[in-house]
Amino acid sequence: MKTITIRDLRQRWPEAEKSLQAENELLVTRDGEPVAKLVRVVRGKPKRKRWNPEEHMRWLKKVWSNKQVRLVDKYLRADREDRNFVTAK
């Protein structure tokens, strides 16, 4: 098992990460004494695909074409018509 100091872990994380990929375990030391053990985590298949904005835009264009939905404007207008605005003099 390869050892690495806390200082090296902080300052040289990319190298430590590469070592962890090769070794699967790293022993972290402080003043020559072991304080922790890093173990590589093997991720399984993700539960669902990550959100892709380009794919989402393609879906929106497929579903809505070039139409714009103005429901929000309709409800905002109706809500604002009920208000009584007082103007400052």
N, C-alpha and C. Protein backbone atom coordinates (compact mmCIF):
# COMPACT_ATOMS: atom_id res chain seq x y z
N MET A 1 0.85 -1.17 0.00
CA MET A 1 0.00 0.00 0.00
C MET A 1 0.89 1.23 0.00
N LYS A 2 0.56 2.18 -0.85
CA LYS A 2 1.35 3.40 -0.99
C LYS A 2 0.95 4.39 0.10
N THR A 3 1.93 5.18 0.59
CA THR A 3 1.66 6.18 1.61
C THR A 3 1.80 7.58 1.00
N ILE A 4 1.07 8.52 1.60
CA ILE A 4 1.12 9.90 1.17
C ILE A 4 0.91 10.78 2.40
N THR A 5 1.62 11.89 2.45
CA THR A 5 1.46 12.79 3.60
C THR A 5 0.24 13.68 3.38
N ILE A 6 -0.25 14.24 4.48
CA ILE A 6 -1.39 15.14 4.39
C ILE A 6 -1.04 16.34 3.52
N ARG A 7 0.17 16.84 3.68
CA ARG A 7 0.61 18.00 2.89
C ARG A 7 0.60 17.68 1.39
N ASP A 8 1.14 16.52 1.02
CA ASP A 8 1.14 16.12 -0.39
C ASP A 8 -0.29 15.92 -0.90
N LEU A 9 -1.14 15.40 -0.06
CA LEU A 9 -2.53 15.19 -0.44
C LEU A 9 -3.21 16.52 -0.76
N ARG A 10 -2.95 17.53 0.06
CA ARG A 10 -3.54 18.86 -0.17
C ARG A 10 -2.96 19.53 -1.41
N GLN A 11 -1.65 19.49 -1.54
CA GLN A 11 -0.98 20.25 -2.59
C GLN A 11 -0.92 19.53 -3.93
N ARG A 12 -1.00 18.23 -3.91
CA ARG A 12 -0.86 17.46 -5.15
C ARG A 12 -2.01 16.46 -5.32
N TRP A 13 -3.22 16.97 -5.23
CA TRP A 13 -4.37 16.08 -5.33
C TRP A 13 -4.43 15.32 -6.65
N PRO A 14 -4.18 15.94 -7.82
CA PRO A 14 -4.27 15.16 -9.06
C PRO A 14 -3.35 13.94 -9.08
N GLU A 15 -2.12 14.11 -8.58
CA GLU A 15 -1.21 12.96 -8.53
C GLU A 15 -1.70 11.91 -7.54
N ALA A 16 -2.24 12.37 -6.42
CA ALA A 16 -2.76 11.43 -5.42
C ALA A 16 -3.94 10.66 -5.99
N GLU A 17 -4.78 11.36 -6.74
CA GLU A 17 -5.94 10.69 -7.34
C GLU A 17 -5.51 9.63 -8.35
N LYS A 18 -4.49 9.93 -9.15
CA LYS A 18 -3.96 8.94 -10.10
C LYS A 18 -3.38 7.74 -9.36
N SER A 19 -2.67 8.01 -8.26
CA SER A 19 -2.11 6.90 -7.47
C SER A 19 -3.22 6.05 -6.89
N LEU A 20 -4.28 6.70 -6.45
CA LEU A 20 -5.41 5.98 -5.88
C LEU A 20 -6.08 5.09 -6.92
N GLN A 21 -6.15 5.56 -8.16
CA GLN A 21 -6.72 4.74 -9.22
C GLN A 21 -5.88 3.49 -9.46
N ALA A 22 -4.55 3.64 -9.36
CA ALA A 22 -3.65 2.51 -9.61
C ALA A 22 -3.57 1.57 -8.42
N GLU A 23 -3.52 2.12 -7.20
CA GLU A 23 -3.28 1.33 -6.00
C GLU A 23 -4.56 0.84 -5.32
N ASN A 24 -5.68 1.54 -5.53
CA ASN A 24 -6.96 1.25 -4.88
C ASN A 24 -7.00 1.65 -3.40
N GLU A 25 -5.84 1.85 -2.77
CA GLU A 25 -5.78 2.30 -1.37
C GLU A 25 -4.56 3.18 -1.17
N LEU A 26 -4.71 4.23 -0.38
CA LEU A 26 -3.58 5.08 0.00
C LEU A 26 -3.62 5.26 1.50
N LEU A 27 -2.46 5.19 2.13
CA LEU A 27 -2.34 5.43 3.56
C LEU A 27 -1.87 6.86 3.76
N VAL A 28 -2.65 7.64 4.48
CA VAL A 28 -2.35 9.05 4.72
C VAL A 28 -1.61 9.15 6.05
N THR A 29 -0.46 9.86 6.02
CA THR A 29 0.35 9.97 7.23
C THR A 29 0.53 11.43 7.64
N ARG A 30 0.74 11.62 8.95
CA ARG A 30 1.12 12.92 9.52
C ARG A 30 2.28 12.65 10.46
N ASP A 31 3.36 13.34 10.24
CA ASP A 31 4.58 13.15 11.03
C ASP A 31 5.01 11.68 11.06
N GLY A 32 4.84 11.00 9.95
CA GLY A 32 5.27 9.61 9.83
C GLY A 32 4.30 8.59 10.42
N GLU A 33 3.24 9.05 11.05
CA GLU A 33 2.26 8.14 11.66
C GLU A 33 1.00 8.08 10.80
N PRO A 34 0.47 6.88 10.56
CA PRO A 34 -0.76 6.79 9.76
C PRO A 34 -1.95 7.40 10.50
N VAL A 35 -2.74 8.19 9.75
CA VAL A 35 -3.92 8.82 10.34
C VAL A 35 -5.20 8.47 9.60
N ALA A 36 -5.08 8.05 8.35
CA ALA A 36 -6.27 7.72 7.58
C ALA A 36 -5.91 6.81 6.42
N LYS A 37 -6.92 6.17 5.87
CA LYS A 37 -6.73 5.35 4.68
C LYS A 37 -7.78 5.77 3.65
N LEU A 38 -7.31 6.12 2.45
CA LEU A 38 -8.21 6.45 1.35
C LEU A 38 -8.46 5.19 0.55
N VAL A 39 -9.70 4.92 0.27
CA VAL A 39 -10.08 3.74 -0.50
C VAL A 39 -10.83 4.20 -1.74
N ARG A 40 -10.51 3.64 -2.87
CA ARG A 40 -11.16 3.99 -4.12
C ARG A 40 -12.59 3.48 -4.11
N VAL A 41 -13.50 4.34 -4.55
CA VAL A 41 -14.90 3.97 -4.64
C VAL A 41 -15.21 3.65 -6.10
N VAL A 42 -15.77 2.49 -6.32
CA VAL A 42 -16.14 2.09 -7.67
C VAL A 42 -17.61 2.41 -7.84
N ARG A 43 -17.88 3.34 -8.75
CA ARG A 43 -19.27 3.74 -8.97
C ARG A 43 -19.95 2.76 -9.90
N GLY A 44 -21.16 2.44 -9.56
CA GLY A 44 -21.95 1.60 -10.43
C GLY A 44 -22.62 2.42 -11.51
N LYS A 45 -23.52 1.81 -12.20
CA LYS A 45 -24.26 2.50 -13.25
C LYS A 45 -25.14 3.57 -12.63
N PRO A 46 -25.14 4.79 -13.17
CA PRO A 46 -26.00 5.82 -12.60
C PRO A 46 -27.46 5.44 -12.71
N LYS A 47 -28.25 5.88 -11.75
CA LYS A 47 -29.66 5.51 -11.72
C LYS A 47 -30.43 6.13 -12.88
N ARG A 48 -30.02 7.33 -13.29
CA ARG A 48 -30.66 7.96 -14.43
C ARG A 48 -29.62 8.81 -15.16
N LYS A 49 -29.96 9.17 -16.38
CA LYS A 49 -29.04 9.98 -17.16
C LYS A 49 -28.97 11.38 -16.57
N ARG A 50 -27.83 12.00 -16.74
CA ARG A 50 -27.68 13.39 -16.33
C ARG A 50 -28.49 14.27 -17.26
N TRP A 51 -28.92 15.41 -16.75
CA TRP A 51 -29.71 16.35 -17.54
C TRP A 51 -28.82 16.99 -18.60
N ASN A 52 -29.28 16.95 -19.82
CA ASN A 52 -28.53 17.50 -20.94
C ASN A 52 -29.35 18.65 -21.53
N PRO A 53 -28.85 19.91 -21.44
CA PRO A 53 -29.65 21.04 -21.92
C PRO A 53 -29.91 20.99 -23.43
N GLU A 54 -28.96 20.51 -24.23
CA GLU A 54 -29.18 20.44 -25.67
C GLU A 54 -30.28 19.44 -26.00
N GLU A 55 -30.26 18.31 -25.31
CA GLU A 55 -31.30 17.30 -25.52
C GLU A 55 -32.66 17.84 -25.09
N HIS A 56 -32.69 18.59 -24.00
CA HIS A 56 -33.93 19.18 -23.52
C HIS A 56 -34.49 20.18 -24.54
N MET A 57 -33.62 20.99 -25.14
CA MET A 57 -34.07 21.95 -26.15
C MET A 57 -34.64 21.22 -27.37
N ARG A 58 -34.01 20.12 -27.77
CA ARG A 58 -34.55 19.34 -28.89
C ARG A 58 -35.94 18.81 -28.55
N TRP A 59 -36.12 18.35 -27.33
CA TRP A 59 -37.43 17.84 -26.89
C TRP A 59 -38.46 18.96 -26.89
N LEU A 60 -38.08 20.15 -26.36
CA LEU A 60 -39.01 21.27 -26.35
C LEU A 60 -39.44 21.66 -27.76
N LYS A 61 -38.49 21.70 -28.69
CA LYS A 61 -38.84 22.04 -30.07
C LYS A 61 -39.72 20.99 -30.70
N LYS A 62 -39.49 19.75 -30.34
CA LYS A 62 -40.32 18.66 -30.89
C LYS A 62 -41.74 18.77 -30.36
N VAL A 63 -41.89 19.06 -29.08
CA VAL A 63 -43.22 19.11 -28.46
C VAL A 63 -43.95 20.40 -28.79
N TRP A 64 -43.25 21.54 -28.68
CA TRP A 64 -43.91 22.84 -28.81
C TRP A 64 -43.65 23.54 -30.14
N SER A 65 -42.80 22.99 -30.97
CA SER A 65 -42.38 23.63 -32.22
C SER A 65 -41.84 25.01 -31.90
N ASN A 66 -42.38 26.03 -32.57
CA ASN A 66 -41.93 27.39 -32.31
C ASN A 66 -42.99 28.19 -31.56
N LYS A 67 -43.98 27.50 -31.02
CA LYS A 67 -45.03 28.18 -30.27
C LYS A 67 -44.47 28.66 -28.94
N GLN A 68 -44.99 29.78 -28.50
CA GLN A 68 -44.64 30.27 -27.19
C GLN A 68 -45.88 30.17 -26.31
N VAL A 69 -45.70 29.64 -25.13
CA VAL A 69 -46.82 29.48 -24.21
C VAL A 69 -46.97 30.77 -23.42
N ARG A 70 -48.12 31.38 -23.49
CA ARG A 70 -48.35 32.66 -22.83
C ARG A 70 -49.28 32.53 -21.62
N LEU A 71 -49.35 31.35 -21.03
CA LEU A 71 -50.22 31.18 -19.87
C LEU A 71 -49.81 32.06 -18.70
N VAL A 72 -48.54 32.22 -18.51
CA VAL A 72 -48.05 33.03 -17.40
C VAL A 72 -48.51 34.47 -17.57
N ASP A 73 -48.39 34.99 -18.79
CA ASP A 73 -48.83 36.36 -19.05
C ASP A 73 -50.32 36.51 -18.77
N LYS A 74 -51.09 35.53 -19.16
CA LYS A 74 -52.54 35.57 -18.95
C LYS A 74 -52.87 35.67 -17.47
N TYR A 75 -52.27 34.83 -16.66
CA TYR A 75 -52.56 34.83 -15.23
C TYR A 75 -51.99 36.04 -14.51
N LEU A 76 -50.82 36.51 -14.93
CA LEU A 76 -50.27 37.73 -14.35
C LEU A 76 -51.17 38.93 -14.64
N ARG A 77 -51.64 39.05 -15.87
CA ARG A 77 -52.51 40.15 -16.24
C ARG A 77 -53.79 40.13 -15.40
N ALA A 78 -54.38 38.94 -15.25
CA ALA A 78 -55.61 38.82 -14.46
C ALA A 78 -55.35 39.17 -13.00
N ASP A 79 -54.22 38.78 -12.47
CA ASP A 79 -53.90 39.07 -11.08
C ASP A 79 -53.65 40.56 -10.87
N ARG A 80 -53.00 41.19 -11.80
CA ARG A 80 -52.67 42.60 -11.67
C ARG A 80 -53.87 43.51 -11.89
N GLU A 81 -54.86 43.05 -12.64
CA GLU A 81 -56.05 43.86 -12.86
C GLU A 81 -56.83 44.04 -11.56
N ASP A 82 -56.70 43.11 -10.63
CA ASP A 82 -57.43 43.19 -9.36
C ASP A 82 -56.81 44.18 -8.40
N ARG A 83 -55.61 44.61 -8.62
CA ARG A 83 -54.91 45.48 -7.69
C ARG A 83 -55.36 46.94 -7.86
N ASN A 84 -55.36 47.65 -6.77
CA ASN A 84 -55.63 49.07 -6.79
C ASN A 84 -54.31 49.78 -6.49
N PHE A 85 -53.79 50.43 -7.51
CA PHE A 85 -52.53 51.14 -7.33
C PHE A 85 -52.80 52.56 -6.86
N VAL A 86 -52.08 52.97 -5.85
CA VAL A 86 -52.19 54.33 -5.34
C VAL A 86 -50.97 55.08 -5.82
N THR A 87 -51.21 56.20 -6.48
CA THR A 87 -50.08 56.98 -6.97
C THR A 87 -49.68 58.02 -5.95
N ALA A 88 -48.40 58.23 -5.81
CA ALA A 88 -47.89 59.23 -4.85
C ALA A 88 -48.02 60.62 -5.45
N LYS A 89 -48.41 61.59 -4.63
CA LYS A 89 -48.58 62.96 -5.12
C LYS A 89 -47.46 63.82 -4.64
